[in-house]
Amino acid sequence: MDGNRGRNMKSRAASGMKLASLWFSTMICIGAILAFLSPAGAHPLNNGYSELTVDDRTVRYELFLPEIRLLRYDADGNGTLTAAELEANGDAIRDELSEKLVLAVGSEPMTLVMTGMEAEEKDAIRGVSFHLAYTAPERVESFTIHYNLLFDDVDPDHLNFAVILDGEDVEQAVFDDANRTFYYAASSRHGSAAAVLAEYAKLGVEHIWEGTDHLLFVLSLVLAAARFRDIVRYVTAFTVAHSITLFLAATGRAAFPAVWIESLIAATILYVALENVWIRQVRWRTLLTFAFGLVHGLGFASVLGEIGLPADQYAGSLIAFNAGVELGQLLFIAAAMPLLAALRRTGRERQATVAASAAIAAVAAFWLLQRTGLIGGGA
């Protein structure tokens, strides 16, 4: 009897440990998903973009800011900025840019002239594009960007993704509340084709890691994979598909409204996550992954369109960017594999898959409603 009681106690203890391990792993999944909801992920509505082009003594600065963060200039309060409202507030806007967006050579600020501005949409975000020109007394070899827009009194979670083009030299930076300055110096490798290709590969890696929606799609795929070869098959299908549409869109052979693309991306994540919840044996997953990968490729292309490609290395830079996306994707899967292996060892893999997929589905549903305009677009 004592022996049986001891075995039962050990069995219950082992079962309890498995259950605890299951809940711990599930909470890690859900916590990671919630962390991804930060403004850095999923093309949020408070992102801004900067493209700076160095041309002898002048730096041409194309600045895009989200409309939702500029509504203090919305005179009629209808939630939309018009050309007339922008023109009426031109002096105030110019003063704000002069104060909060400074380019300096050494300690000397460059002279700013605003050459134009218009309301438009980028990457499914309504906003305003500002055309600025910063001029220095001599040719610009290096400068510091001081970016202090929006953070303090409007949106502390604001992000601005910047690309600096100097001939064939390409540099990039991300401005946020904790990183408001960036120093640029012309590379000693200026003009090197290898340096340009390496920079675009780096941009590809960074985009997939910043693109929370793409990562959640990949995570949804691997959660339901029964075998390692299934993961290889899904990832291969996704890679081939998004490479096709990335190349078609980047070369002007395919074009769709950004809001459609972003909404469809959210829908693909929602479908795969719900399929994981409701269906144990997923059929046609490889074919579906290929079809959905075509949609995600259009999303990659929209970001690449914002960055731009050097005319003399167009094809090489496009290939390098795509290679960077693939590398970033593989690194993410490699990082996820130990967690997936731990879930399998608990013996409660199905329950963990359902819990994580349900959380992903909830996030994707929110994005879908937000991107289709059915709910307001918060930060």
Protein backbone atom coordinates (compact mmCIF):
# COMPACT_ATOMS: atom_id res chain seq x y z
CA MET A 1 0.00 0.00 0.00
CA ASP A 2 2.77 2.41 0.96
CA GLY A 3 4.50 1.60 -2.32
CA ASN A 4 1.33 2.34 -4.31
CA ARG A 5 0.77 5.54 -2.38
CA GLY A 6 4.35 6.61 -3.11
CA ARG A 7 3.97 5.85 -6.81
CA ASN A 8 0.70 7.80 -6.95
CA MET A 9 2.28 10.76 -5.23
CA LYS A 10 5.20 10.68 -7.67
CA SER A 11 2.78 10.43 -10.58
CA ARG A 12 0.75 13.38 -9.33
CA ALA A 13 3.93 15.37 -8.77
CA ALA A 14 5.14 14.60 -12.29
CA SER A 15 1.76 15.53 -13.70
CA GLY A 16 1.80 18.76 -11.73
CA MET A 17 5.25 19.61 -13.01
CA LYS A 18 4.12 18.98 -16.58
CA LEU A 19 1.10 21.20 -16.08
CA ALA A 20 3.22 23.93 -14.52
CA SER A 21 5.67 23.66 -17.39
CA LEU A 22 2.80 23.90 -19.86
CA TRP A 23 1.41 27.05 -18.24
CA PHE A 24 4.88 28.59 -17.98
CA SER A 25 5.56 27.96 -21.68
CA THR A 26 2.14 29.25 -22.67
CA MET A 27 2.61 32.42 -20.64
CA ILE A 28 5.95 32.98 -22.40
CA CYS A 29 4.17 32.73 -25.76
CA ILE A 30 1.39 35.07 -24.73
CA GLY A 31 3.81 37.49 -23.07
CA ALA A 32 5.90 37.60 -26.22
CA ILE A 33 2.81 38.33 -28.27
CA LEU A 34 1.75 41.15 -25.97
CA ALA A 35 5.27 42.56 -26.08
CA PHE A 36 4.99 42.59 -29.85
CA LEU A 37 2.02 44.93 -29.53
CA SER A 38 4.43 47.77 -28.84
CA PRO A 39 4.48 50.55 -31.44
CA ALA A 40 7.48 48.96 -33.19
CA GLY A 41 5.36 46.17 -34.61
CA ALA A 42 2.78 45.60 -37.29
CA HIS A 43 3.01 48.93 -39.13
CA PRO A 44 1.23 50.91 -36.36
CA LEU A 45 -0.52 54.18 -37.12
CA ASN A 46 2.01 56.33 -35.24
CA ASN A 47 5.03 55.43 -37.37
CA GLY A 48 6.86 58.11 -39.33
CA TYR A 49 9.36 57.85 -42.17
CA SER A 50 12.38 59.89 -43.20
CA GLU A 51 14.41 59.76 -46.39
CA LEU A 52 17.47 61.98 -46.51
CA THR A 53 19.47 62.48 -49.70
CA VAL A 54 22.90 64.11 -49.50
CA ASP A 55 23.67 66.35 -52.50
CA ASP A 56 26.86 68.34 -52.15
CA ARG A 57 26.05 71.15 -49.64
CA THR A 58 22.38 70.20 -49.30
CA VAL A 59 20.51 67.40 -47.53
CA ARG A 60 17.05 66.92 -49.01
CA TYR A 61 14.78 65.59 -46.28
CA GLU A 62 11.46 63.89 -47.10
CA LEU A 63 9.59 63.60 -43.79
CA PHE A 64 6.32 61.71 -43.32
CA LEU A 65 4.33 62.09 -40.11
CA PRO A 66 1.04 60.34 -39.26
CA GLU A 67 -2.05 62.52 -39.58
CA ILE A 68 -3.43 61.27 -36.26
CA ARG A 69 -0.55 63.04 -34.48
CA LEU A 70 -1.01 66.36 -36.33
CA LEU A 71 -4.68 66.99 -35.62
CA ARG A 72 -3.89 70.14 -33.60
CA TYR A 73 -3.77 71.75 -37.07
CA ASP A 74 -7.23 70.40 -37.95
CA ALA A 75 -9.22 73.64 -37.77
CA ASP A 76 -12.68 72.19 -38.45
CA GLY A 77 -12.16 69.19 -36.14
CA ASN A 78 -13.29 66.60 -38.70
CA GLY A 79 -10.25 64.37 -38.14
CA THR A 80 -8.74 65.03 -41.60
CA LEU A 81 -6.12 67.58 -42.62
CA THR A 82 -6.79 69.44 -45.86
CA ALA A 83 -4.42 71.37 -48.11
CA ALA A 84 -6.05 74.61 -46.95
CA GLU A 85 -5.50 73.75 -43.28
CA LEU A 86 -1.87 72.89 -43.93
CA GLU A 87 -1.32 76.13 -45.82
CA ALA A 88 -3.02 78.18 -43.09
CA ASN A 89 -0.70 76.66 -40.49
CA GLY A 90 2.40 76.77 -42.67
CA ASP A 91 4.32 79.22 -40.47
CA ALA A 92 3.55 77.29 -37.25
CA ILE A 93 4.55 74.00 -38.85
CA ARG A 94 7.77 75.49 -40.21
CA ASP A 95 8.64 76.90 -36.78
CA GLU A 96 8.01 73.54 -35.13
CA LEU A 97 10.19 71.72 -37.65
CA SER A 98 12.96 74.30 -37.26
CA GLU A 99 12.93 73.82 -33.51
CA LYS A 100 12.45 70.06 -33.23
CA LEU A 101 14.13 68.63 -36.35
CA VAL A 102 17.67 69.97 -36.57
CA LEU A 103 20.51 68.83 -38.80
CA ALA A 104 23.90 70.11 -37.69
CA VAL A 105 27.41 69.97 -39.10
CA GLY A 106 29.58 69.90 -36.03
CA SER A 107 27.88 72.32 -33.65
CA GLU A 108 26.45 74.52 -36.41
CA PRO A 109 22.80 73.93 -37.42
CA MET A 110 22.19 73.72 -41.15
CA THR A 111 19.81 76.23 -42.73
CA LEU A 112 16.28 74.83 -43.20
CA VAL A 113 13.89 75.66 -46.01
CA MET A 114 10.50 73.92 -46.28
CA THR A 115 9.76 73.54 -49.99
CA GLY A 116 6.36 71.88 -49.74
CA MET A 117 3.93 69.66 -47.86
CA GLU A 118 0.89 67.59 -48.71
CA ALA A 119 -1.48 65.10 -47.13
CA GLU A 120 -1.08 61.56 -48.47
CA GLU A 121 -1.05 57.91 -47.45
CA LYS A 122 2.01 55.71 -46.93
CA ASP A 123 2.00 52.08 -45.87
CA ALA A 124 -1.75 52.27 -45.07
CA ILE A 125 -1.12 55.28 -42.79
CA ARG A 126 -2.75 58.64 -43.52
CA GLY A 127 -0.33 61.44 -42.91
CA VAL A 128 1.52 64.50 -44.17
CA SER A 129 4.72 64.55 -46.21
CA PHE A 130 7.05 67.49 -45.68
CA HIS A 131 9.69 68.41 -48.26
CA LEU A 132 12.66 70.00 -46.52
CA ALA A 133 16.09 71.19 -47.63
CA TYR A 134 18.97 71.63 -45.16
CA THR A 135 21.98 73.56 -46.46
CA ALA A 136 25.55 73.89 -45.12
CA PRO A 137 28.34 76.32 -46.17
CA GLU A 138 30.48 73.47 -47.56
CA ARG A 139 29.97 70.00 -48.94
CA VAL A 140 28.32 67.74 -46.37
CA GLU A 141 30.57 64.84 -45.35
CA SER A 142 28.99 64.27 -41.95
CA PHE A 143 26.12 65.64 -39.89
CA THR A 144 24.02 64.93 -36.80
CA ILE A 145 20.23 64.55 -36.87
CA HIS A 146 18.42 65.86 -33.77
CA TYR A 147 14.88 64.43 -33.96
CA ASN A 148 12.52 65.69 -31.25
CA LEU A 149 9.15 65.65 -33.01
CA LEU A 150 5.99 64.43 -31.26
CA PHE A 151 7.63 62.63 -28.34
CA ASP A 152 7.19 64.93 -25.36
CA ASP A 153 3.74 66.42 -25.68
CA VAL A 154 1.99 64.28 -28.31
CA ASP A 155 3.15 60.68 -28.55
CA PRO A 156 6.00 59.22 -26.44
CA ASP A 157 5.66 55.93 -28.36
CA HIS A 158 6.27 57.55 -31.76
CA LEU A 159 8.84 55.90 -34.04
CA ASN A 160 10.49 57.30 -37.14
CA PHE A 161 12.38 55.07 -39.56
CA ALA A 162 15.09 56.98 -41.44
CA VAL A 163 17.16 56.11 -44.50
CA ILE A 164 20.12 58.26 -45.58
CA LEU A 165 21.22 58.09 -49.22
CA ASP A 166 24.60 59.52 -50.17
CA GLY A 167 25.44 58.46 -53.70
CA GLU A 168 25.71 54.69 -53.41
CA ASP A 169 26.17 54.85 -49.67
CA VAL A 170 23.08 53.85 -47.65
CA GLU A 171 22.60 54.27 -43.90
CA GLN A 172 19.56 53.79 -41.71
CA ALA A 173 18.39 54.74 -38.24
CA VAL A 174 15.33 54.49 -36.01
CA PHE A 175 14.30 57.42 -33.82
CA ASP A 176 12.27 56.86 -30.66
CA ASP A 177 11.85 58.54 -27.29
CA ALA A 178 15.14 57.08 -26.03
CA ASN A 179 17.11 57.60 -29.29
CA ARG A 180 16.69 61.11 -30.61
CA THR A 181 20.06 61.77 -32.25
CA PHE A 182 21.96 60.05 -35.03
CA TYR A 183 25.41 60.87 -36.37
CA TYR A 184 26.07 60.21 -40.05
CA ALA A 185 29.47 60.20 -41.73
CA ALA A 186 30.21 59.28 -45.32
CA SER A 187 31.54 55.74 -45.38
CA SER A 188 35.17 55.09 -46.24
CA ARG A 189 33.73 52.39 -48.48
CA HIS A 190 31.71 55.01 -50.36
CA GLY A 191 30.83 53.70 -53.81
CA SER A 192 31.45 50.07 -52.87
CA ALA A 193 28.82 47.77 -54.37
CA ALA A 194 29.42 45.26 -51.59
CA ALA A 195 28.68 47.92 -48.94
CA VAL A 196 25.37 48.83 -50.59
CA LEU A 197 24.29 45.20 -50.88
CA ALA A 198 25.26 44.53 -47.26
CA GLU A 199 23.20 47.54 -46.13
CA TYR A 200 20.10 46.33 -47.99
CA ALA A 201 20.52 42.84 -46.56
CA LYS A 202 20.68 44.43 -43.10
CA LEU A 203 17.51 46.41 -43.85
CA GLY A 204 15.77 43.15 -44.83
CA VAL A 205 16.73 41.48 -41.54
CA GLU A 206 15.59 44.50 -39.54
CA HIS A 207 12.29 44.75 -41.37
CA ILE A 208 11.26 41.15 -40.70
CA TRP A 209 12.18 41.58 -37.02
CA GLU A 210 10.21 44.84 -36.82
CA GLY A 211 7.28 43.40 -38.80
CA THR A 212 5.36 41.77 -35.98
CA ASP A 213 2.58 40.65 -38.29
CA HIS A 214 4.95 38.65 -40.49
CA LEU A 215 6.58 37.02 -37.47
CA LEU A 216 3.23 36.04 -35.96
CA PHE A 217 2.28 34.44 -39.27
CA VAL A 218 5.48 32.38 -39.26
CA LEU A 219 4.94 31.46 -35.58
CA SER A 220 1.39 30.31 -36.38
CA LEU A 221 2.77 28.05 -39.10
CA VAL A 222 5.39 26.35 -36.96
CA LEU A 223 3.11 25.94 -33.93
CA ALA A 224 1.00 23.36 -35.79
CA ALA A 225 3.91 21.61 -37.54
CA ALA A 226 4.01 17.97 -36.45
CA ARG A 227 7.52 17.35 -37.76
CA PHE A 228 10.62 19.34 -38.57
CA ARG A 229 10.20 18.56 -42.26
CA ASP A 230 6.76 20.21 -42.09
CA ILE A 231 8.41 23.40 -40.87
CA VAL A 232 10.89 23.20 -43.76
CA ARG A 233 8.05 22.71 -46.23
CA TYR A 234 5.98 25.63 -44.88
CA VAL A 235 8.92 28.01 -44.69
CA THR A 236 10.01 27.08 -48.22
CA ALA A 237 6.51 27.71 -49.59
CA PHE A 238 6.32 31.06 -47.77
CA THR A 239 9.77 32.09 -48.99
CA VAL A 240 9.14 31.23 -52.65
CA ALA A 241 5.74 32.94 -52.64
CA HIS A 242 6.71 36.22 -51.01
CA SER A 243 9.86 36.40 -53.14
CA ILE A 244 7.67 36.27 -56.27
CA THR A 245 5.37 39.12 -55.29
CA LEU A 246 8.20 41.15 -53.77
CA PHE A 247 10.00 41.13 -57.13
CA LEU A 248 6.80 41.77 -59.10
CA ALA A 249 5.76 44.71 -56.94
CA ALA A 250 9.24 46.19 -56.61
CA THR A 251 9.64 46.20 -60.41
CA GLY A 252 6.23 47.77 -60.97
CA ARG A 253 4.49 44.67 -62.33
CA ALA A 254 2.00 44.42 -59.46
CA ALA A 255 0.37 47.17 -57.46
CA PHE A 256 -2.47 47.14 -54.92
CA PRO A 257 -3.75 49.70 -52.39
CA ALA A 258 -1.70 49.52 -49.18
CA VAL A 259 -4.81 49.25 -47.01
CA TRP A 260 -5.88 46.11 -48.90
CA ILE A 261 -2.47 44.52 -48.46
CA GLU A 262 -2.22 45.29 -44.74
CA SER A 263 -5.78 44.07 -44.13
CA LEU A 264 -5.17 40.85 -46.05
CA ILE A 265 -1.98 40.22 -44.10
CA ALA A 266 -3.95 40.44 -40.86
CA ALA A 267 -6.59 38.11 -42.34
CA THR A 268 -3.96 35.48 -43.22
CA ILE A 269 -2.67 35.47 -39.65
CA LEU A 270 -6.21 35.22 -38.27
CA TYR A 271 -7.08 32.29 -40.54
CA VAL A 272 -3.96 30.23 -39.78
CA ALA A 273 -4.27 30.87 -36.03
CA LEU A 274 -7.95 29.83 -36.00
CA GLU A 275 -7.11 26.76 -38.07
CA ASN A 276 -4.59 25.81 -35.40
CA VAL A 277 -7.29 26.16 -32.74
CA TRP A 278 -10.09 24.22 -34.43
CA ILE A 279 -8.33 21.63 -36.58
CA ARG A 280 -5.94 19.02 -35.24
CA GLN A 281 -4.74 17.62 -38.57
CA VAL A 282 -4.21 20.61 -40.88
CA ARG A 283 -4.55 19.75 -44.56
CA TRP A 284 -3.39 21.82 -47.50
CA ARG A 285 -1.21 23.91 -45.17
CA THR A 286 1.64 24.07 -47.70
CA LEU A 287 -0.64 25.31 -50.48
CA LEU A 288 -2.30 27.84 -48.19
CA THR A 289 1.09 29.03 -46.96
CA PHE A 290 2.16 29.64 -50.56
CA ALA A 291 -1.03 31.60 -51.30
CA PHE A 292 -0.72 33.67 -48.14
CA GLY A 293 2.98 34.23 -48.79
CA LEU A 294 2.05 36.03 -52.01
CA VAL A 295 0.16 38.58 -49.88
CA HIS A 296 3.03 39.06 -47.43
CA GLY A 297 5.43 39.66 -50.33
CA LEU A 298 3.36 42.68 -51.33
CA GLY A 299 3.76 43.96 -47.78
CA PHE A 300 7.54 43.62 -47.99
CA ALA A 301 7.47 45.49 -51.30
CA SER A 302 5.53 48.43 -49.81
CA VAL A 303 8.26 48.91 -47.20
CA LEU A 304 10.99 48.61 -49.83
CA GLY A 305 9.14 51.23 -51.87
CA GLU A 306 9.46 53.63 -48.93
CA ILE A 307 13.19 52.94 -48.62
CA GLY A 308 13.95 53.11 -52.34
CA LEU A 309 16.53 51.23 -54.41
CA PRO A 310 19.71 52.65 -56.00
CA ALA A 311 19.23 52.86 -59.78
CA ASP A 312 22.66 51.47 -60.64
CA GLN A 313 22.31 48.47 -58.30
CA TYR A 314 18.57 47.94 -58.49
CA ALA A 315 18.46 44.18 -58.99
CA GLY A 316 21.32 43.43 -56.60
CA SER A 317 19.83 45.56 -53.82
CA LEU A 318 16.42 43.94 -54.30
CA ILE A 319 17.96 40.46 -54.03
CA ALA A 320 19.99 41.51 -50.99
CA PHE A 321 16.90 42.89 -49.24
CA ASN A 322 15.00 39.66 -49.88
CA ALA A 323 17.96 37.60 -48.65
CA GLY A 324 17.96 39.69 -45.47
CA VAL A 325 14.26 38.99 -44.97
CA GLU A 326 14.93 35.24 -45.30
CA LEU A 327 17.84 35.39 -42.87
CA GLY A 328 15.76 37.27 -40.31
CA GLN A 329 12.95 34.75 -40.71
CA LEU A 330 15.31 31.80 -40.19
CA LEU A 331 16.83 33.44 -37.10
CA PHE A 332 13.34 33.87 -35.65
CA ILE A 333 12.48 30.21 -36.28
CA ALA A 334 15.79 29.11 -34.77
CA ALA A 335 15.03 31.17 -31.66
CA ALA A 336 11.54 29.64 -31.41
CA MET A 337 12.65 26.01 -31.79
CA PRO A 338 13.83 25.51 -28.17
CA LEU A 339 10.47 26.76 -26.88
CA LEU A 340 8.57 24.47 -29.24
CA ALA A 341 10.74 21.53 -28.17
CA ALA A 342 10.01 22.34 -24.51
CA LEU A 343 6.28 22.34 -25.24
CA ARG A 344 6.53 18.92 -26.84
CA ARG A 345 8.30 17.54 -23.80
CA THR A 346 5.41 18.56 -21.53
CA GLY A 347 3.03 16.17 -23.27
CA ARG A 348 0.49 19.01 -23.44
CA GLU A 349 1.57 20.37 -26.82
CA ARG A 350 -1.99 20.53 -28.16
CA GLN A 351 -3.24 22.65 -25.26
CA ALA A 352 -0.29 25.03 -25.57
CA THR A 353 -0.77 25.33 -29.34
CA VAL A 354 -4.44 26.19 -28.85
CA ALA A 355 -3.66 28.78 -26.15
CA ALA A 356 -0.91 30.50 -28.15
CA SER A 357 -2.91 30.38 -31.41
CA ALA A 358 -5.97 31.85 -29.70
CA ALA A 359 -3.88 34.76 -28.45
CA ILE A 360 -2.43 35.28 -31.95
CA ALA A 361 -5.95 35.15 -33.42
CA ALA A 362 -7.12 37.86 -31.01
CA VAL A 363 -4.24 40.12 -32.01
CA ALA A 364 -4.83 39.48 -35.73
CA ALA A 365 -8.56 40.17 -35.38
CA PHE A 366 -7.79 43.51 -33.74
CA TRP A 367 -5.38 44.42 -36.57
CA LEU A 368 -7.94 43.40 -39.19
CA LEU A 369 -10.65 45.58 -37.65
CA GLN A 370 -8.20 48.46 -37.27
CA ARG A 371 -6.80 48.27 -40.78
CA THR A 372 -10.22 48.03 -42.42
CA GLY A 373 -11.32 51.10 -40.48
CA LEU A 374 -14.01 49.31 -38.48
CA ILE A 375 -12.40 50.50 -35.25
CA GLY A 376 -10.31 53.57 -34.53
CA GLY A 377 -6.57 53.42 -35.21
CA GLY A 378 -4.84 54.01 -31.91
CA ALA A 379 -1.12 54.12 -31.37
